[in-house]
Amino acid sequence: MKIVTRYALLFLLVPLHACQTPKPIAMSTVAVPSNPNIHDGDVLVEHRKAGQDIPPLRGQDVVTVRTFANAISTSGETSKLVELEGVSCKLSSDGYTASVVTPAQVNVPDYGYASRPIMARCDAKGYRPGVLTVSAFNLTEQENYSVATNGGLLGVMFAAIVHAASDVKKHDFAYPGLKVIMNPVGCERTKAGCR
């Protein structure tokens, strides 16, 4: 009986050890407009005035920025991702920038369907620069399909019909978290390679 209990505990602890707990957020900041004359956060106001299809500023969206080292084993044959702390990153998008030290959160302008892609470039000693670009996704659509999958094929078909009939311009959009991969200098010379 004691052996079974020990093995049961081992099976419970192994998955916990294999999973990484995200590092606590080290800083939170607000994106800075590229144009110093913008004071209300509406960084795309000039684009809207020029006739581009951009809705009024809806508010702010919070974007999480994390960096992960492509940790290569001593044999050089395998690698795994390990979260790095204290990496300097610069975010840029159409109309704003932000500088952070990971892990961090940044408040960025929310323009719904017209939200612009965000590019992150992160630099750390001993690593190649990590670069990642993310675009806002249709959160309303994702939530509708997520709920619909519980209804099987009929639920998915119903969600598709509702989505086709809805006005995407009224949907909520959000950014995924930025997970920037930092490859060590020289990773190209290992069997595991760079990610």
C-alpha atoms as a PDB file:
ATOM      1  CA  MET A   1       0.000   0.000   0.000  1.00  0.00           C
ATOM      2  CA  LYS A   2       2.830   2.396   0.876  1.00  0.00           C
ATOM      3  CA  ILE A   3       4.502   1.760  -2.509  1.00  0.00           C
ATOM      4  CA  VAL A   4       1.295   2.601  -4.368  1.00  0.00           C
ATOM      5  CA  THR A   5       0.948   5.812  -2.350  1.00  0.00           C
ATOM      6  CA  ARG A   6       4.540   6.818  -3.134  1.00  0.00           C
ATOM      7  CA  TYR A   7       4.070   6.225  -6.861  1.00  0.00           C
ATOM      8  CA  ALA A   8       0.777   8.125  -6.804  1.00  0.00           C
ATOM      9  CA  LEU A   9       2.551  11.094  -5.191  1.00  0.00           C
ATOM     10  CA  LEU A  10       5.363  10.839  -7.741  1.00  0.00           C
ATOM     11  CA  PHE A  11       2.871  10.956 -10.641  1.00  0.00           C
ATOM     12  CA  LEU A  12       1.205  13.997  -9.093  1.00  0.00           C
ATOM     13  CA  LEU A  13       4.487  15.855  -8.542  1.00  0.00           C
ATOM     14  CA  VAL A  14       6.174  15.151 -11.899  1.00  0.00           C
ATOM     15  CA  PRO A  15       3.665  17.184 -13.965  1.00  0.00           C
ATOM     16  CA  LEU A  16       3.892  20.038 -11.463  1.00  0.00           C
ATOM     17  CA  HIS A  17       7.677  20.098 -11.785  1.00  0.00           C
ATOM     18  CA  ALA A  18       7.511  20.018 -15.599  1.00  0.00           C
ATOM     19  CA  CYS A  19       5.236  23.064 -15.800  1.00  0.00           C
ATOM     20  CA  GLN A  20       6.714  26.501 -15.299  1.00  0.00           C
ATOM     21  CA  THR A  21       4.946  29.045 -13.180  1.00  0.00           C
ATOM     22  CA  PRO A  22       4.935  32.420 -14.961  1.00  0.00           C
ATOM     23  CA  LYS A  23       7.188  35.001 -13.345  1.00  0.00           C
ATOM     24  CA  PRO A  24       5.354  37.836 -11.562  1.00  0.00           C
ATOM     25  CA  ILE A  25       4.899  41.037 -13.555  1.00  0.00           C
ATOM     26  CA  ALA A  26       7.867  43.307 -12.811  1.00  0.00           C
ATOM     27  CA  MET A  27       6.503  46.536 -14.241  1.00  0.00           C
ATOM     28  CA  SER A  28       3.439  48.103 -15.782  1.00  0.00           C
ATOM     29  CA  THR A  29       3.507  51.123 -18.074  1.00  0.00           C
ATOM     30  CA  VAL A  30       1.498  53.073 -20.626  1.00  0.00           C
ATOM     31  CA  ALA A  31       2.471  53.372 -24.287  1.00  0.00           C
ATOM     32  CA  VAL A  32       3.855  56.807 -25.205  1.00  0.00           C
ATOM     33  CA  PRO A  33       2.457  58.578 -28.303  1.00  0.00           C
ATOM     34  CA  SER A  34       5.021  59.125 -31.078  1.00  0.00           C
ATOM     35  CA  ASN A  35       3.512  62.556 -31.699  1.00  0.00           C
ATOM     36  CA  PRO A  36       4.198  64.832 -28.688  1.00  0.00           C
ATOM     37  CA  ASN A  37       1.014  66.814 -29.477  1.00  0.00           C
ATOM     38  CA  ILE A  38      -1.235  63.845 -28.607  1.00  0.00           C
ATOM     39  CA  HIS A  39      -2.504  64.268 -25.051  1.00  0.00           C
ATOM     40  CA  ASP A  40      -5.681  62.184 -24.920  1.00  0.00           C
ATOM     41  CA  GLY A  41      -4.152  58.882 -26.102  1.00  0.00           C
ATOM     42  CA  ASP A  42      -5.888  58.941 -29.505  1.00  0.00           C
ATOM     43  CA  VAL A  43      -2.699  58.257 -31.480  1.00  0.00           C
ATOM     44  CA  LEU A  44      -4.535  57.573 -34.763  1.00  0.00           C
ATOM     45  CA  VAL A  45      -6.614  60.765 -34.820  1.00  0.00           C
ATOM     46  CA  GLU A  46      -4.664  62.171 -37.798  1.00  0.00           C
ATOM     47  CA  HIS A  47      -5.217  58.953 -39.787  1.00  0.00           C
ATOM     48  CA  ARG A  48      -8.958  59.197 -39.090  1.00  0.00           C
ATOM     49  CA  LYS A  49      -9.010  62.856 -40.177  1.00  0.00           C
ATOM     50  CA  ALA A  50      -7.229  61.826 -43.402  1.00  0.00           C
ATOM     51  CA  GLY A  51     -10.152  59.519 -44.228  1.00  0.00           C
ATOM     52  CA  GLN A  52      -8.878  56.143 -43.015  1.00  0.00           C
ATOM     53  CA  ASP A  53     -11.465  53.730 -41.597  1.00  0.00           C
ATOM     54  CA  ILE A  54     -10.461  54.055 -37.939  1.00  0.00           C
ATOM     55  CA  PRO A  55     -13.054  54.251 -35.168  1.00  0.00           C
ATOM     56  CA  PRO A  56     -12.693  56.594 -32.204  1.00  0.00           C
ATOM     57  CA  LEU A  57     -10.402  55.371 -29.435  1.00  0.00           C
ATOM     58  CA  ARG A  58     -12.293  52.727 -27.424  1.00  0.00           C
ATOM     59  CA  GLY A  59      -9.988  52.766 -24.419  1.00  0.00           C
ATOM     60  CA  GLN A  60      -6.923  50.781 -23.468  1.00  0.00           C
ATOM     61  CA  ASP A  61      -5.934  47.141 -23.880  1.00  0.00           C
ATOM     62  CA  VAL A  62      -3.351  45.509 -21.613  1.00  0.00           C
ATOM     63  CA  VAL A  63      -0.583  43.581 -23.386  1.00  0.00           C
ATOM     64  CA  THR A  64       1.720  41.254 -21.445  1.00  0.00           C
ATOM     65  CA  VAL A  65       5.347  40.969 -22.598  1.00  0.00           C
ATOM     66  CA  ARG A  66       7.443  37.964 -21.574  1.00  0.00           C
ATOM     67  CA  THR A  67      10.830  36.727 -22.773  1.00  0.00           C
ATOM     68  CA  PHE A  68      11.928  33.106 -22.968  1.00  0.00           C
ATOM     69  CA  ALA A  69      15.430  31.727 -23.367  1.00  0.00           C
ATOM     70  CA  ASN A  70      15.938  28.903 -25.807  1.00  0.00           C
ATOM     71  CA  ALA A  71      17.951  26.964 -23.210  1.00  0.00           C
ATOM     72  CA  ILE A  72      20.127  24.435 -25.032  1.00  0.00           C
ATOM     73  CA  SER A  73      21.286  21.334 -23.141  1.00  0.00           C
ATOM     74  CA  THR A  74      24.985  20.807 -22.474  1.00  0.00           C
ATOM     75  CA  SER A  75      25.025  18.114 -25.176  1.00  0.00           C
ATOM     76  CA  GLY A  76      23.620  20.673 -27.627  1.00  0.00           C
ATOM     77  CA  GLU A  77      21.030  18.180 -28.860  1.00  0.00           C
ATOM     78  CA  THR A  78      17.897  19.411 -27.092  1.00  0.00           C
ATOM     79  CA  SER A  79      16.470  22.667 -25.878  1.00  0.00           C
ATOM     80  CA  LYS A  80      13.597  23.968 -23.804  1.00  0.00           C
ATOM     81  CA  LEU A  81      12.098  27.377 -23.180  1.00  0.00           C
ATOM     82  CA  VAL A  82      12.792  29.013 -19.827  1.00  0.00           C
ATOM     83  CA  GLU A  83      11.317  32.383 -18.894  1.00  0.00           C
ATOM     84  CA  LEU A  84      13.867  35.184 -18.561  1.00  0.00           C
ATOM     85  CA  GLU A  85      13.482  38.152 -16.266  1.00  0.00           C
ATOM     86  CA  GLY A  86      15.051  41.586 -16.624  1.00  0.00           C
ATOM     87  CA  VAL A  87      15.249  41.718 -20.425  1.00  0.00           C
ATOM     88  CA  SER A  88      14.920  45.176 -22.012  1.00  0.00           C
ATOM     89  CA  CYS A  89      12.304  45.376 -24.760  1.00  0.00           C
ATOM     90  CA  LYS A  90      11.030  48.167 -26.968  1.00  0.00           C
ATOM     91  CA  LEU A  91       7.502  47.962 -28.345  1.00  0.00           C
ATOM     92  CA  SER A  92       6.419  49.984 -31.337  1.00  0.00           C
ATOM     93  CA  SER A  93       3.242  50.387 -33.318  1.00  0.00           C
ATOM     94  CA  ASP A  94       1.601  52.942 -35.543  1.00  0.00           C
ATOM     95  CA  GLY A  95       1.504  56.019 -33.307  1.00  0.00           C
ATOM     96  CA  TYR A  96       3.180  54.859 -30.099  1.00  0.00           C
ATOM     97  CA  THR A  97       6.152  53.175 -28.422  1.00  0.00           C
ATOM     98  CA  ALA A  98       6.911  51.697 -25.020  1.00  0.00           C
ATOM     99  CA  SER A  99      10.070  50.546 -23.260  1.00  0.00           C
ATOM    100  CA  VAL A 100       9.805  47.754 -20.696  1.00  0.00           C
ATOM    101  CA  VAL A 101      11.828  45.280 -18.682  1.00  0.00           C
ATOM    102  CA  THR A 102      10.267  41.802 -18.724  1.00  0.00           C
ATOM    103  CA  PRO A 103       7.985  40.444 -17.529  1.00  0.00           C
ATOM    104  CA  ALA A 104       5.826  43.517 -18.043  1.00  0.00           C
ATOM    105  CA  GLN A 105       2.407  44.815 -18.959  1.00  0.00           C
ATOM    106  CA  VAL A 106       1.758  47.746 -21.289  1.00  0.00           C
ATOM    107  CA  ASN A 107      -1.468  49.697 -21.747  1.00  0.00           C
ATOM    108  CA  VAL A 108      -1.939  50.288 -25.476  1.00  0.00           C
ATOM    109  CA  PRO A 109      -4.679  52.087 -27.437  1.00  0.00           C
ATOM    110  CA  ASP A 110      -7.725  49.975 -28.374  1.00  0.00           C
ATOM    111  CA  TYR A 111      -9.169  50.723 -31.811  1.00  0.00           C
ATOM    112  CA  GLY A 112     -11.098  47.473 -32.165  1.00  0.00           C
ATOM    113  CA  TYR A 113     -10.923  46.118 -35.719  1.00  0.00           C
ATOM    114  CA  ALA A 114      -8.433  48.890 -36.661  1.00  0.00           C
ATOM    115  CA  SER A 115      -5.954  48.115 -33.856  1.00  0.00           C
ATOM    116  CA  ARG A 116      -2.464  48.132 -35.328  1.00  0.00           C
ATOM    117  CA  PRO A 117       0.148  45.344 -35.090  1.00  0.00           C
ATOM    118  CA  ILE A 118       2.667  45.650 -32.258  1.00  0.00           C
ATOM    119  CA  MET A 119       6.334  44.806 -32.777  1.00  0.00           C
ATOM    120  CA  ALA A 120       8.620  43.960 -29.873  1.00  0.00           C
ATOM    121  CA  ARG A 121      12.415  43.887 -30.004  1.00  0.00           C
ATOM    122  CA  CYS A 122      14.199  42.551 -26.935  1.00  0.00           C
ATOM    123  CA  ASP A 123      17.929  42.633 -26.195  1.00  0.00           C
ATOM    124  CA  ALA A 124      19.970  40.773 -23.564  1.00  0.00           C
ATOM    125  CA  LYS A 125      23.663  40.048 -23.173  1.00  0.00           C
ATOM    126  CA  GLY A 126      24.606  36.631 -24.562  1.00  0.00           C
ATOM    127  CA  TYR A 127      21.473  36.414 -26.733  1.00  0.00           C
ATOM    128  CA  ARG A 128      20.554  37.359 -30.261  1.00  0.00           C
ATOM    129  CA  PRO A 129      17.912  40.100 -30.439  1.00  0.00           C
ATOM    130  CA  GLY A 130      14.435  38.638 -30.086  1.00  0.00           C
ATOM    131  CA  VAL A 131      11.795  40.100 -32.396  1.00  0.00           C
ATOM    132  CA  LEU A 132       8.071  39.368 -32.488  1.00  0.00           C
ATOM    133  CA  THR A 133       5.071  41.057 -34.113  1.00  0.00           C
ATOM    134  CA  VAL A 134       1.494  40.376 -32.994  1.00  0.00           C
ATOM    135  CA  SER A 135      -1.843  41.556 -34.331  1.00  0.00           C
ATOM    136  CA  ALA A 136      -5.094  42.046 -32.480  1.00  0.00           C
ATOM    137  CA  PHE A 137      -7.553  39.170 -32.867  1.00  0.00           C
ATOM    138  CA  ASN A 138     -11.357  39.174 -32.931  1.00  0.00           C
ATOM    139  CA  LEU A 139     -12.159  38.354 -29.305  1.00  0.00           C
ATOM    140  CA  THR A 140     -15.936  38.355 -29.870  1.00  0.00           C
ATOM    141  CA  GLU A 141     -15.630  35.793 -32.670  1.00  0.00           C
ATOM    142  CA  GLN A 142     -13.277  33.607 -30.627  1.00  0.00           C
ATOM    143  CA  GLU A 143     -15.624  33.634 -27.633  1.00  0.00           C
ATOM    144  CA  ASN A 144     -18.650  32.855 -29.823  1.00  0.00           C
ATOM    145  CA  TYR A 145     -16.925  29.870 -31.442  1.00  0.00           C
ATOM    146  CA  SER A 146     -15.604  28.685 -28.085  1.00  0.00           C
ATOM    147  CA  VAL A 147     -19.135  28.582 -26.663  1.00  0.00           C
ATOM    148  CA  ALA A 148     -20.487  27.086 -29.896  1.00  0.00           C
ATOM    149  CA  THR A 149     -18.122  24.110 -29.836  1.00  0.00           C
ATOM    150  CA  ASN A 150     -19.985  22.837 -26.766  1.00  0.00           C
ATOM    151  CA  GLY A 151     -23.024  22.480 -29.030  1.00  0.00           C
ATOM    152  CA  GLY A 152     -21.189  20.255 -31.507  1.00  0.00           C
ATOM    153  CA  LEU A 153     -21.386  20.730 -35.256  1.00  0.00           C
ATOM    154  CA  LEU A 154     -24.801  22.386 -35.035  1.00  0.00           C
ATOM    155  CA  GLY A 155     -23.455  24.902 -32.510  1.00  0.00           C
ATOM    156  CA  VAL A 156     -20.472  25.745 -34.718  1.00  0.00           C
ATOM    157  CA  MET A 157     -22.743  26.190 -37.759  1.00  0.00           C
ATOM    158  CA  PHE A 158     -25.038  28.482 -35.753  1.00  0.00           C
ATOM    159  CA  ALA A 159     -22.028  30.539 -34.554  1.00  0.00           C
ATOM    160  CA  ALA A 160     -20.800  30.877 -38.152  1.00  0.00           C
ATOM    161  CA  ILE A 161     -24.207  32.175 -39.254  1.00  0.00           C
ATOM    162  CA  VAL A 162     -24.349  34.654 -36.352  1.00  0.00           C
ATOM    163  CA  HIS A 163     -20.808  35.798 -37.095  1.00  0.00           C
ATOM    164  CA  ALA A 164     -21.560  36.303 -40.798  1.00  0.00           C
ATOM    165  CA  ALA A 165     -24.596  38.426 -39.911  1.00  0.00           C
ATOM    166  CA  SER A 166     -22.868  40.525 -37.250  1.00  0.00           C
ATOM    167  CA  ASP A 167     -20.982  43.783 -37.757  1.00  0.00           C
ATOM    168  CA  VAL A 168     -17.284  43.082 -37.156  1.00  0.00           C
ATOM    169  CA  LYS A 169     -16.760  46.782 -36.509  1.00  0.00           C
ATOM    170  CA  LYS A 170     -18.741  46.369 -33.275  1.00  0.00           C
ATOM    171  CA  HIS A 171     -16.750  43.342 -32.087  1.00  0.00           C
ATOM    172  CA  ASP A 172     -14.172  43.444 -29.306  1.00  0.00           C
ATOM    173  CA  PHE A 173     -10.556  42.844 -30.289  1.00  0.00           C
ATOM    174  CA  ALA A 174      -7.593  42.012 -28.048  1.00  0.00           C
ATOM    175  CA  TYR A 175      -3.892  41.332 -28.338  1.00  0.00           C
ATOM    176  CA  PRO A 176      -2.337  37.996 -27.452  1.00  0.00           C
ATOM    177  CA  GLY A 177       0.536  38.092 -25.001  1.00  0.00           C
ATOM    178  CA  LEU A 178       3.933  38.742 -26.536  1.00  0.00           C
ATOM    179  CA  LYS A 179       6.199  35.749 -25.883  1.00  0.00           C
ATOM    180  CA  VAL A 180       9.569  36.733 -27.318  1.00  0.00           C
ATOM    181  CA  ILE A 181      12.095  33.922 -27.834  1.00  0.00           C
ATOM    182  CA  MET A 182      15.717  34.795 -27.039  1.00  0.00           C
ATOM    183  CA  ASN A 183      18.220  32.514 -28.795  1.00  0.00           C
ATOM    184  CA  PRO A 184      21.701  32.262 -27.284  1.00  0.00           C
ATOM    185  CA  VAL A 185      24.573  33.489 -29.417  1.00  0.00           C
ATOM    186  CA  GLY A 186      25.973  30.452 -31.263  1.00  0.00           C
ATOM    187  CA  CYS A 187      22.734  28.420 -31.204  1.00  0.00           C
ATOM    188  CA  GLU A 188      23.120  27.812 -34.947  1.00  0.00           C
ATOM    189  CA  ARG A 189      26.179  25.632 -34.221  1.00  0.00           C
ATOM    190  CA  THR A 190      24.238  23.189 -32.012  1.00  0.00           C
ATOM    191  CA  LYS A 191      22.134  20.187 -33.051  1.00  0.00           C
ATOM    192  CA  ALA A 192      19.139  21.719 -31.262  1.00  0.00           C
ATOM    193  CA  GLY A 193      19.553  24.898 -33.324  1.00  0.00           C
ATOM    194  CA  CYS A 194      17.780  28.191 -32.915  1.00  0.00           C
ATOM    195  CA  ARG A 195      14.016  28.694 -32.541  1.00  0.00           C
END
